């Protein structure tokens, strides 16, 4: 289980315009970082290893709530934030989830 980022995954078709514009603007600023994460995911996808890439949006220092949206193979609509603690919670929960093997998993509040 690795940490990637929401912009590496697919953009939800029904995302509001403001979310799409924000994603593109941030993606332009952090293009090199997201390219590295995309390469990491490509290396994993080409390997025989079982893997899951957790794709959070902007990380916060909030508490672990255990309450967040999760989309296997996609990105939750209007993904804006999630706490680092909930990313860790999701990663631990996904270790035993067979549906998440060889998948990117978008998480967000």
N, C-alpha and C. Protein backbone atom coordinates (compact mmCIF):
# COMPACT_ATOMS: atom_id res chain seq x y z
N UNK A 1 0.86 -1.17 0.00
CA UNK A 1 0.00 0.00 0.00
C UNK A 1 0.90 1.23 0.00
N UNK A 2 0.68 2.09 -1.00
CA UNK A 2 1.49 3.31 -1.13
C UNK A 2 0.58 4.54 -1.15
N UNK A 3 1.17 5.69 -0.87
CA UNK A 3 0.44 6.95 -0.96
C UNK A 3 0.77 7.62 -2.28
N UNK A 4 -0.25 7.98 -3.02
CA UNK A 4 -0.10 8.73 -4.26
C UNK A 4 -0.84 10.06 -4.06
N UNK A 5 -1.63 10.49 -5.03
CA UNK A 5 -2.39 11.74 -4.89
C UNK A 5 -3.58 11.72 -5.84
N UNK A 6 -4.65 12.40 -5.45
CA UNK A 6 -5.87 12.46 -6.25
C UNK A 6 -5.59 12.83 -7.71
N UNK A 7 -4.75 13.83 -8.02
CA UNK A 7 -4.56 14.20 -9.42
C UNK A 7 -3.95 13.11 -10.30
N UNK A 8 -3.39 12.07 -9.70
CA UNK A 8 -2.82 10.97 -10.49
C UNK A 8 -3.94 10.08 -11.02
N UNK A 9 -5.06 10.05 -10.32
CA UNK A 9 -6.18 9.21 -10.72
C UNK A 9 -7.10 9.90 -11.71
N UNK A 10 -8.15 9.19 -12.10
CA UNK A 10 -9.10 9.77 -13.06
C UNK A 10 -9.91 10.89 -12.43
N UNK A 11 -10.27 11.87 -13.24
CA UNK A 11 -11.09 12.99 -12.79
C UNK A 11 -12.56 12.57 -12.87
N UNK A 12 -13.32 12.74 -11.78
CA UNK A 12 -14.74 12.39 -11.84
C UNK A 12 -15.45 13.19 -12.93
N UNK A 13 -16.25 12.52 -13.74
CA UNK A 13 -16.93 13.19 -14.85
C UNK A 13 -17.92 14.24 -14.36
N UNK A 14 -18.46 14.05 -13.16
CA UNK A 14 -19.47 14.97 -12.65
C UNK A 14 -18.92 15.99 -11.65
N UNK A 15 -17.59 16.16 -11.61
CA UNK A 15 -17.00 17.15 -10.71
C UNK A 15 -17.47 18.55 -11.11
N UNK A 16 -17.80 19.39 -10.13
CA UNK A 16 -18.17 20.77 -10.45
C UNK A 16 -17.02 21.51 -11.13
N UNK A 17 -17.36 22.52 -11.91
CA UNK A 17 -16.37 23.28 -12.66
C UNK A 17 -15.27 23.84 -11.76
N UNK A 18 -15.63 24.39 -10.61
CA UNK A 18 -14.62 24.97 -9.73
C UNK A 18 -13.61 23.90 -9.28
N UNK A 19 -14.08 22.69 -9.03
CA UNK A 19 -13.17 21.62 -8.63
C UNK A 19 -12.24 21.22 -9.77
N UNK A 20 -12.78 21.17 -10.98
CA UNK A 20 -11.93 20.84 -12.14
C UNK A 20 -10.87 21.91 -12.37
N UNK A 21 -11.26 23.17 -12.24
CA UNK A 21 -10.31 24.27 -12.44
C UNK A 21 -9.23 24.27 -11.36
N UNK A 22 -9.64 24.05 -10.11
CA UNK A 22 -8.66 24.00 -9.01
C UNK A 22 -7.68 22.84 -9.23
N UNK A 23 -8.20 21.70 -9.64
CA UNK A 23 -7.36 20.53 -9.85
C UNK A 23 -6.32 20.81 -10.94
N UNK A 24 -6.75 21.45 -12.01
CA UNK A 24 -5.81 21.76 -13.11
C UNK A 24 -4.77 22.79 -12.69
N UNK A 25 -5.18 23.80 -11.93
CA UNK A 25 -4.23 24.83 -11.48
C UNK A 25 -3.19 24.23 -10.54
N UNK A 26 -3.65 23.45 -9.58
CA UNK A 26 -2.72 22.81 -8.64
C UNK A 26 -1.85 21.80 -9.38
N UNK A 27 -2.44 21.09 -10.33
CA UNK A 27 -1.68 20.13 -11.12
C UNK A 27 -0.57 20.77 -11.92
N UNK A 28 -0.80 21.99 -12.39
CA UNK A 28 0.25 22.70 -13.13
C UNK A 28 1.40 23.09 -12.22
N UNK A 29 1.07 23.52 -11.01
CA UNK A 29 2.11 23.93 -10.06
C UNK A 29 2.92 22.73 -9.57
N UNK A 30 2.25 21.62 -9.36
CA UNK A 30 2.92 20.43 -8.81
C UNK A 30 3.12 19.34 -9.87
N UNK A 31 3.28 19.75 -11.12
CA UNK A 31 3.37 18.80 -12.23
C UNK A 31 4.48 17.77 -12.06
N UNK A 32 5.65 18.20 -11.61
CA UNK A 32 6.77 17.25 -11.46
C UNK A 32 6.47 16.21 -10.38
N UNK A 33 5.91 16.65 -9.28
CA UNK A 33 5.57 15.72 -8.20
C UNK A 33 4.55 14.70 -8.68
N UNK A 34 3.50 15.17 -9.35
CA UNK A 34 2.47 14.25 -9.83
C UNK A 34 3.00 13.32 -10.91
N UNK A 35 3.93 13.80 -11.72
CA UNK A 35 4.56 12.93 -12.73
C UNK A 35 5.35 11.82 -12.05
N UNK A 36 6.06 12.14 -10.97
CA UNK A 36 6.78 11.11 -10.21
C UNK A 36 5.82 10.08 -9.63
N UNK A 37 4.71 10.55 -9.08
CA UNK A 37 3.74 9.62 -8.51
C UNK A 37 3.11 8.75 -9.60
N UNK A 38 2.85 9.32 -10.76
CA UNK A 38 2.31 8.54 -11.88
C UNK A 38 3.30 7.48 -12.32
N UNK A 39 4.60 7.82 -12.34
CA UNK A 39 5.63 6.82 -12.69
C UNK A 39 5.67 5.71 -11.65
N UNK A 40 5.56 6.07 -10.37
CA UNK A 40 5.53 5.07 -9.31
C UNK A 40 4.37 4.10 -9.54
N UNK A 41 3.20 4.64 -9.82
CA UNK A 41 2.04 3.78 -10.04
C UNK A 41 2.22 2.92 -11.29
N UNK A 42 2.85 3.46 -12.32
CA UNK A 42 3.09 2.68 -13.54
C UNK A 42 4.05 1.52 -13.27
N UNK A 43 5.09 1.77 -12.48
CA UNK A 43 6.03 0.70 -12.12
C UNK A 43 5.29 -0.39 -11.35
N UNK A 44 4.46 0.01 -10.40
CA UNK A 44 3.69 -0.98 -9.65
C UNK A 44 2.75 -1.76 -10.57
N UNK A 45 2.07 -1.06 -11.47
CA UNK A 45 1.13 -1.71 -12.37
C UNK A 45 1.81 -2.72 -13.28
N UNK A 46 3.06 -2.47 -13.63
CA UNK A 46 3.81 -3.38 -14.50
C UNK A 46 4.46 -4.53 -13.74
N UNK A 47 4.34 -4.52 -12.43
CA UNK A 47 4.99 -5.56 -11.62
C UNK A 47 4.01 -6.68 -11.29
N UNK A 48 4.55 -7.77 -10.79
CA UNK A 48 3.73 -8.90 -10.34
C UNK A 48 3.28 -8.72 -8.89
N UNK A 49 3.71 -7.65 -8.26
CA UNK A 49 3.41 -7.38 -6.86
C UNK A 49 1.94 -6.99 -6.68
N UNK A 50 1.33 -7.45 -5.60
CA UNK A 50 0.02 -6.94 -5.22
C UNK A 50 0.23 -5.55 -4.62
N UNK A 51 -0.53 -4.58 -5.05
CA UNK A 51 -0.34 -3.21 -4.59
C UNK A 51 -1.68 -2.49 -4.55
N UNK A 52 -1.71 -1.42 -3.79
CA UNK A 52 -2.83 -0.49 -3.75
C UNK A 52 -2.24 0.90 -3.60
N UNK A 53 -2.67 1.83 -4.43
CA UNK A 53 -2.22 3.22 -4.33
C UNK A 53 -3.37 4.06 -3.76
N UNK A 54 -3.17 4.58 -2.57
CA UNK A 54 -4.17 5.44 -1.94
C UNK A 54 -3.94 6.86 -2.45
N UNK A 55 -5.00 7.48 -2.98
CA UNK A 55 -4.88 8.79 -3.62
C UNK A 55 -5.67 9.85 -2.85
N UNK A 56 -5.04 10.47 -1.86
CA UNK A 56 -5.73 11.52 -1.12
C UNK A 56 -5.62 12.88 -1.82
N UNK A 57 -6.54 13.81 -1.49
CA UNK A 57 -6.40 15.19 -1.94
C UNK A 57 -5.51 15.94 -0.95
N UNK A 58 -5.76 17.23 -0.74
CA UNK A 58 -4.95 18.03 0.19
C UNK A 58 -5.04 17.43 1.59
N UNK A 59 -3.86 17.25 2.19
CA UNK A 59 -3.79 16.63 3.52
C UNK A 59 -3.91 17.69 4.62
N UNK A 60 -4.63 17.32 5.68
CA UNK A 60 -4.76 18.20 6.84
C UNK A 60 -4.20 17.48 8.07
N UNK A 61 -4.10 18.22 9.16
CA UNK A 61 -3.61 17.65 10.41
C UNK A 61 -4.75 17.27 11.35
N UNK A 62 -5.93 17.06 10.83
CA UNK A 62 -7.09 16.71 11.65
C UNK A 62 -6.98 15.32 12.26
N UNK A 63 -7.93 15.00 13.13
CA UNK A 63 -7.92 13.70 13.81
C UNK A 63 -8.40 12.57 12.90
N UNK A 64 -8.18 11.36 13.34
CA UNK A 64 -8.72 10.19 12.65
C UNK A 64 -10.20 10.08 12.99
N UNK A 65 -11.03 10.14 11.96
CA UNK A 65 -12.47 10.00 12.16
C UNK A 65 -12.97 8.64 11.70
N UNK A 66 -12.25 8.03 10.75
CA UNK A 66 -12.71 6.78 10.16
C UNK A 66 -13.89 6.98 9.23
N UNK A 67 -14.25 8.24 8.99
CA UNK A 67 -15.39 8.57 8.13
C UNK A 67 -14.89 9.38 6.94
N UNK A 68 -14.85 8.76 5.79
CA UNK A 68 -14.38 9.40 4.56
C UNK A 68 -14.97 8.63 3.40
N UNK A 69 -14.98 9.26 2.23
CA UNK A 69 -15.47 8.58 1.02
C UNK A 69 -14.31 7.84 0.37
N UNK A 70 -14.61 6.70 -0.21
CA UNK A 70 -13.58 5.87 -0.84
C UNK A 70 -14.13 5.39 -2.18
N UNK A 71 -13.32 5.53 -3.23
CA UNK A 71 -13.71 5.03 -4.55
C UNK A 71 -12.57 4.18 -5.09
N UNK A 72 -12.80 2.88 -5.18
CA UNK A 72 -11.79 1.98 -5.74
C UNK A 72 -11.77 2.18 -7.25
N UNK A 73 -10.59 2.46 -7.79
CA UNK A 73 -10.44 2.67 -9.22
C UNK A 73 -10.87 4.05 -9.69
N UNK A 74 -11.13 4.96 -8.75
CA UNK A 74 -11.59 6.29 -9.14
C UNK A 74 -11.29 7.33 -8.10
N UNK A 75 -12.03 8.42 -8.18
CA UNK A 75 -11.84 9.56 -7.30
C UNK A 75 -13.20 10.03 -6.80
N UNK A 76 -13.35 10.25 -5.49
CA UNK A 76 -14.62 10.80 -5.00
C UNK A 76 -14.89 12.18 -5.60
N UNK A 77 -16.14 12.46 -5.88
CA UNK A 77 -16.54 13.76 -6.42
C UNK A 77 -16.18 14.86 -5.42
N UNK A 78 -15.71 15.99 -5.92
CA UNK A 78 -15.34 17.15 -5.09
C UNK A 78 -14.35 16.78 -3.99
N UNK A 79 -13.30 16.06 -4.37
CA UNK A 79 -12.26 15.67 -3.41
C UNK A 79 -11.42 16.88 -3.08
N UNK A 80 -11.50 17.35 -1.84
CA UNK A 80 -10.73 18.54 -1.47
C UNK A 80 -9.77 18.29 -0.33
N UNK A 81 -10.20 17.61 0.73
CA UNK A 81 -9.30 17.40 1.87
C UNK A 81 -9.54 16.04 2.51
N UNK A 82 -8.55 15.62 3.29
CA UNK A 82 -8.65 14.46 4.17
C UNK A 82 -7.49 14.57 5.15
N UNK A 83 -7.67 14.11 6.37
CA UNK A 83 -6.59 14.20 7.34
C UNK A 83 -5.55 13.11 7.11
N UNK A 84 -4.34 13.40 7.50
CA UNK A 84 -3.27 12.39 7.42
C UNK A 84 -3.65 11.16 8.23
N UNK A 85 -4.30 11.39 9.38
CA UNK A 85 -4.70 10.26 10.23
C UNK A 85 -5.72 9.38 9.52
N UNK A 86 -6.65 9.97 8.77
CA UNK A 86 -7.62 9.16 8.03
C UNK A 86 -6.99 8.48 6.83
N UNK A 87 -5.95 9.07 6.24
CA UNK A 87 -5.21 8.37 5.18
C UNK A 87 -4.57 7.12 5.77
N UNK A 88 -3.96 7.24 6.93
CA UNK A 88 -3.36 6.07 7.59
C UNK A 88 -4.43 5.03 7.90
N UNK A 89 -5.59 5.47 8.37
CA UNK A 89 -6.70 4.56 8.67
C UNK A 89 -7.11 3.81 7.40
N UNK A 90 -7.26 4.55 6.30
CA UNK A 90 -7.66 3.93 5.04
C UNK A 90 -6.62 2.93 4.56
N UNK A 91 -5.34 3.29 4.68
CA UNK A 91 -4.28 2.39 4.24
C UNK A 91 -4.32 1.07 5.01
N UNK A 92 -4.51 1.16 6.31
CA UNK A 92 -4.58 -0.07 7.11
C UNK A 92 -5.81 -0.89 6.75
N UNK A 93 -6.94 -0.23 6.51
CA UNK A 93 -8.16 -0.94 6.14
C UNK A 93 -8.04 -1.61 4.78
N UNK A 94 -7.29 -1.00 3.86
CA UNK A 94 -7.17 -1.53 2.50
C UNK A 94 -6.21 -2.71 2.39
N UNK A 95 -5.39 -2.93 3.40
CA UNK A 95 -4.44 -4.04 3.36
C UNK A 95 -5.14 -5.36 3.11
N UNK A 96 -6.30 -5.55 3.72
CA UNK A 96 -7.03 -6.82 3.60
C UNK A 96 -8.22 -6.75 2.65
N UNK A 97 -8.29 -5.73 1.81
CA UNK A 97 -9.42 -5.56 0.91
C UNK A 97 -9.07 -6.09 -0.48
N UNK A 98 -9.57 -7.27 -0.85
CA UNK A 98 -9.21 -7.84 -2.16
C UNK A 98 -9.68 -6.98 -3.34
N UNK A 99 -10.71 -6.18 -3.15
CA UNK A 99 -11.20 -5.32 -4.24
C UNK A 99 -10.21 -4.20 -4.56
N UNK A 100 -9.30 -3.91 -3.63
CA UNK A 100 -8.35 -2.81 -3.83
C UNK A 100 -7.01 -3.26 -4.40
N UNK A 101 -6.82 -4.56 -4.58
CA UNK A 101 -5.55 -5.06 -5.09
C UNK A 101 -5.36 -4.62 -6.54
N UNK A 102 -4.19 -4.06 -6.82
CA UNK A 102 -3.82 -3.55 -8.15
C UNK A 102 -4.76 -2.42 -8.60
N UNK A 103 -5.15 -1.58 -7.63
CA UNK A 103 -6.06 -0.47 -7.89
C UNK A 103 -5.57 0.80 -7.23
N UNK A 104 -5.94 1.92 -7.82
CA UNK A 104 -5.84 3.20 -7.14
C UNK A 104 -7.13 3.41 -6.39
N UNK A 105 -7.04 3.97 -5.20
CA UNK A 105 -8.23 4.20 -4.38
C UNK A 105 -8.24 5.67 -3.96
N UNK A 106 -9.21 6.41 -4.46
CA UNK A 106 -9.36 7.80 -4.06
C UNK A 106 -10.09 7.88 -2.74
N UNK A 107 -9.59 8.72 -1.83
CA UNK A 107 -10.28 8.94 -0.55
C UNK A 107 -10.39 10.44 -0.31
N UNK A 108 -11.45 10.84 0.35
CA UNK A 108 -11.67 12.26 0.67
C UNK A 108 -12.87 12.37 1.59
N UNK A 109 -12.99 13.52 2.23
CA UNK A 109 -14.20 13.78 3.04
C UNK A 109 -15.33 14.17 2.13
